[in-house]
Amino acid sequence: MTIENAIRAFAGIMILVSVALTVWVSPYFVWLTLFVGVNLLQSAVTGICPAAKILRKLGFRSGRAA
């Protein structure tokens, strides 16, 4: 799995978990959903993604366009 795919999967899982926590635990977990969304937007604009740096250190490889 490439870093790009892992980031998309991680973001999707975090959003689903945070929505479930918002519904079943506390409405304050909506802030986690907001944080994930803002982080996705900031990484799209700036090209800086903290999750990519962590995943690279864990051994994920960068994808290459065909």
N, C-alpha and C. Protein backbone atom coordinates (compact mmCIF):
# COMPACT_ATOMS: atom_id res chain seq x y z
N MET A 1 0.86 -1.18 0.00
CA MET A 1 0.00 0.00 0.00
C MET A 1 0.90 1.24 0.00
N THR A 2 0.56 2.19 -0.82
CA THR A 2 1.35 3.41 -0.90
C THR A 2 0.95 4.38 0.22
N ILE A 3 1.78 5.37 0.44
CA ILE A 3 1.50 6.38 1.46
C ILE A 3 0.19 7.10 1.14
N GLU A 4 -0.02 7.42 -0.12
CA GLU A 4 -1.22 8.15 -0.51
C GLU A 4 -2.48 7.36 -0.19
N ASN A 5 -2.48 6.06 -0.51
CA ASN A 5 -3.63 5.22 -0.20
C ASN A 5 -3.81 5.05 1.31
N ALA A 6 -2.71 4.92 2.03
CA ALA A 6 -2.80 4.76 3.48
C ALA A 6 -3.37 6.01 4.14
N ILE A 7 -3.00 7.19 3.62
CA ILE A 7 -3.53 8.44 4.18
C ILE A 7 -5.02 8.54 3.93
N ARG A 8 -5.46 8.19 2.72
CA ARG A 8 -6.89 8.23 2.42
C ARG A 8 -7.66 7.26 3.31
N ALA A 9 -7.12 6.06 3.49
CA ALA A 9 -7.78 5.06 4.34
C ALA A 9 -7.83 5.54 5.79
N PHE A 10 -6.71 6.08 6.28
CA PHE A 10 -6.65 6.56 7.65
C PHE A 10 -7.64 7.71 7.89
N ALA A 11 -7.70 8.65 6.95
CA ALA A 11 -8.63 9.78 7.09
C ALA A 11 -10.08 9.29 7.07
N GLY A 12 -10.39 8.36 6.19
CA GLY A 12 -11.75 7.82 6.13
C GLY A 12 -12.14 7.10 7.41
N ILE A 13 -11.23 6.31 7.94
CA ILE A 13 -11.49 5.60 9.19
C ILE A 13 -11.68 6.59 10.34
N MET A 14 -10.82 7.61 10.39
CA MET A 14 -10.94 8.60 11.47
C MET A 14 -12.27 9.34 11.40
N ILE A 15 -12.73 9.68 10.20
CA ILE A 15 -14.01 10.37 10.07
C ILE A 15 -15.15 9.46 10.49
N LEU A 16 -15.14 8.19 10.06
CA LEU A 16 -16.21 7.27 10.45
C LEU A 16 -16.23 7.03 11.95
N VAL A 17 -15.06 6.86 12.55
CA VAL A 17 -14.98 6.66 14.01
C VAL A 17 -15.47 7.90 14.75
N SER A 18 -15.06 9.08 14.29
CA SER A 18 -15.47 10.30 14.99
C SER A 18 -16.96 10.56 14.86
N VAL A 19 -17.54 10.22 13.71
CA VAL A 19 -19.00 10.38 13.57
C VAL A 19 -19.72 9.40 14.49
N ALA A 20 -19.24 8.16 14.56
CA ALA A 20 -19.85 7.18 15.46
C ALA A 20 -19.73 7.63 16.91
N LEU A 21 -18.57 8.16 17.30
CA LEU A 21 -18.41 8.65 18.67
C LEU A 21 -19.32 9.85 18.94
N THR A 22 -19.51 10.70 17.93
CA THR A 22 -20.39 11.85 18.09
C THR A 22 -21.83 11.40 18.32
N VAL A 23 -22.26 10.38 17.60
CA VAL A 23 -23.64 9.90 17.72
C VAL A 23 -23.86 9.15 19.02
N TRP A 24 -22.93 8.25 19.37
CA TRP A 24 -23.19 7.35 20.49
C TRP A 24 -22.52 7.72 21.81
N VAL A 25 -21.54 8.60 21.82
CA VAL A 25 -20.84 8.91 23.07
C VAL A 25 -21.09 10.35 23.50
N SER A 26 -20.65 11.30 22.70
CA SER A 26 -20.78 12.70 23.07
C SER A 26 -20.78 13.57 21.82
N PRO A 27 -21.63 14.58 21.80
CA PRO A 27 -21.63 15.47 20.64
C PRO A 27 -20.33 16.27 20.49
N TYR A 28 -19.51 16.31 21.51
CA TYR A 28 -18.25 17.04 21.43
C TYR A 28 -17.22 16.36 20.52
N PHE A 29 -17.45 15.09 20.19
CA PHE A 29 -16.54 14.40 19.27
C PHE A 29 -16.66 14.95 17.85
N VAL A 30 -17.63 15.81 17.60
CA VAL A 30 -17.72 16.45 16.29
C VAL A 30 -16.46 17.29 16.03
N TRP A 31 -15.80 17.72 17.08
CA TRP A 31 -14.55 18.48 16.93
C TRP A 31 -13.45 17.63 16.30
N LEU A 32 -13.46 16.32 16.57
CA LEU A 32 -12.48 15.43 15.95
C LEU A 32 -12.75 15.35 14.44
N THR A 33 -14.02 15.26 14.06
CA THR A 33 -14.38 15.26 12.65
C THR A 33 -13.92 16.55 11.98
N LEU A 34 -14.15 17.66 12.64
CA LEU A 34 -13.73 18.95 12.11
C LEU A 34 -12.21 19.02 11.98
N PHE A 35 -11.49 18.53 12.96
CA PHE A 35 -10.04 18.53 12.92
C PHE A 35 -9.51 17.73 11.74
N VAL A 36 -10.08 16.55 11.50
CA VAL A 36 -9.64 15.72 10.37
C VAL A 36 -9.91 16.44 9.05
N GLY A 37 -11.08 17.05 8.92
CA GLY A 37 -11.41 17.78 7.70
C GLY A 37 -10.49 18.96 7.46
N VAL A 38 -10.21 19.72 8.51
CA VAL A 38 -9.31 20.88 8.37
C VAL A 38 -7.90 20.41 8.02
N ASN A 39 -7.46 19.32 8.61
CA ASN A 39 -6.14 18.79 8.30
C ASN A 39 -6.05 18.35 6.84
N LEU A 40 -7.11 17.73 6.32
CA LEU A 40 -7.13 17.34 4.91
C LEU A 40 -7.03 18.57 4.01
N LEU A 41 -7.78 19.62 4.34
CA LEU A 41 -7.73 20.84 3.55
C LEU A 41 -6.36 21.50 3.60
N GLN A 42 -5.78 21.58 4.77
CA GLN A 42 -4.47 22.23 4.90
C GLN A 42 -3.41 21.43 4.18
N SER A 43 -3.48 20.11 4.18
CA SER A 43 -2.47 19.34 3.46
C SER A 43 -2.65 19.46 1.95
N ALA A 44 -3.88 19.65 1.50
CA ALA A 44 -4.11 19.86 0.07
C ALA A 44 -3.56 21.21 -0.39
N VAL A 45 -3.69 22.22 0.45
CA VAL A 45 -3.24 23.56 0.09
C VAL A 45 -1.72 23.71 0.23
N THR A 46 -1.18 23.21 1.34
CA THR A 46 0.25 23.42 1.60
C THR A 46 1.15 22.30 1.12
N GLY A 47 0.59 21.11 0.93
CA GLY A 47 1.39 19.95 0.55
C GLY A 47 2.13 19.32 1.72
N ILE A 48 1.86 19.79 2.93
CA ILE A 48 2.50 19.26 4.13
C ILE A 48 1.50 18.38 4.87
N CYS A 49 1.85 17.12 5.06
CA CYS A 49 0.96 16.19 5.75
C CYS A 49 1.73 15.47 6.85
N PRO A 50 1.40 15.73 8.11
CA PRO A 50 2.10 15.06 9.21
C PRO A 50 1.95 13.54 9.15
N ALA A 51 0.78 13.06 8.73
CA ALA A 51 0.57 11.61 8.65
C ALA A 51 1.51 10.97 7.63
N ALA A 52 1.81 11.66 6.54
CA ALA A 52 2.72 11.12 5.53
C ALA A 52 4.12 10.93 6.10
N LYS A 53 4.56 11.88 6.90
CA LYS A 53 5.89 11.76 7.51
C LYS A 53 5.95 10.54 8.44
N ILE A 54 4.89 10.34 9.22
CA ILE A 54 4.84 9.19 10.14
C ILE A 54 4.79 7.89 9.36
N LEU A 55 3.94 7.82 8.34
CA LEU A 55 3.82 6.60 7.55
C LEU A 55 5.11 6.28 6.80
N ARG A 56 5.82 7.30 6.34
CA ARG A 56 7.10 7.08 5.66
C ARG A 56 8.10 6.45 6.62
N LYS A 57 8.11 6.90 7.87
CA LYS A 57 9.02 6.33 8.86
C LYS A 57 8.63 4.90 9.23
N LEU A 58 7.33 4.57 9.06
CA LEU A 58 6.86 3.21 9.35
C LEU A 58 7.12 2.25 8.18
N GLY A 59 7.66 2.77 7.07
CA GLY A 59 8.04 1.89 5.97
C GLY A 59 7.13 1.90 4.76
N PHE A 60 6.11 2.75 4.75
CA PHE A 60 5.26 2.83 3.57
C PHE A 60 6.04 3.48 2.44
N ARG A 61 5.78 3.06 1.22
CA ARG A 61 6.49 3.61 0.08
C ARG A 61 5.63 4.65 -0.62
N SER A 62 6.28 5.57 -1.28
CA SER A 62 5.58 6.61 -2.04
C SER A 62 5.14 6.04 -3.37
N GLY A 63 3.94 6.40 -3.82
CA GLY A 63 3.42 5.91 -5.09
C GLY A 63 4.04 6.63 -6.26
N ARG A 64 4.09 5.98 -7.39
CA ARG A 64 4.63 6.55 -8.61
C ARG A 64 3.52 6.56 -9.67
N ALA A 65 3.39 7.69 -10.35
CA ALA A 65 2.40 7.79 -11.42
C ALA A 65 2.86 6.98 -12.62
N ALA A 66 1.92 6.29 -13.23
CA ALA A 66 2.26 5.44 -14.39
C ALA A 66 2.39 6.26 -15.65
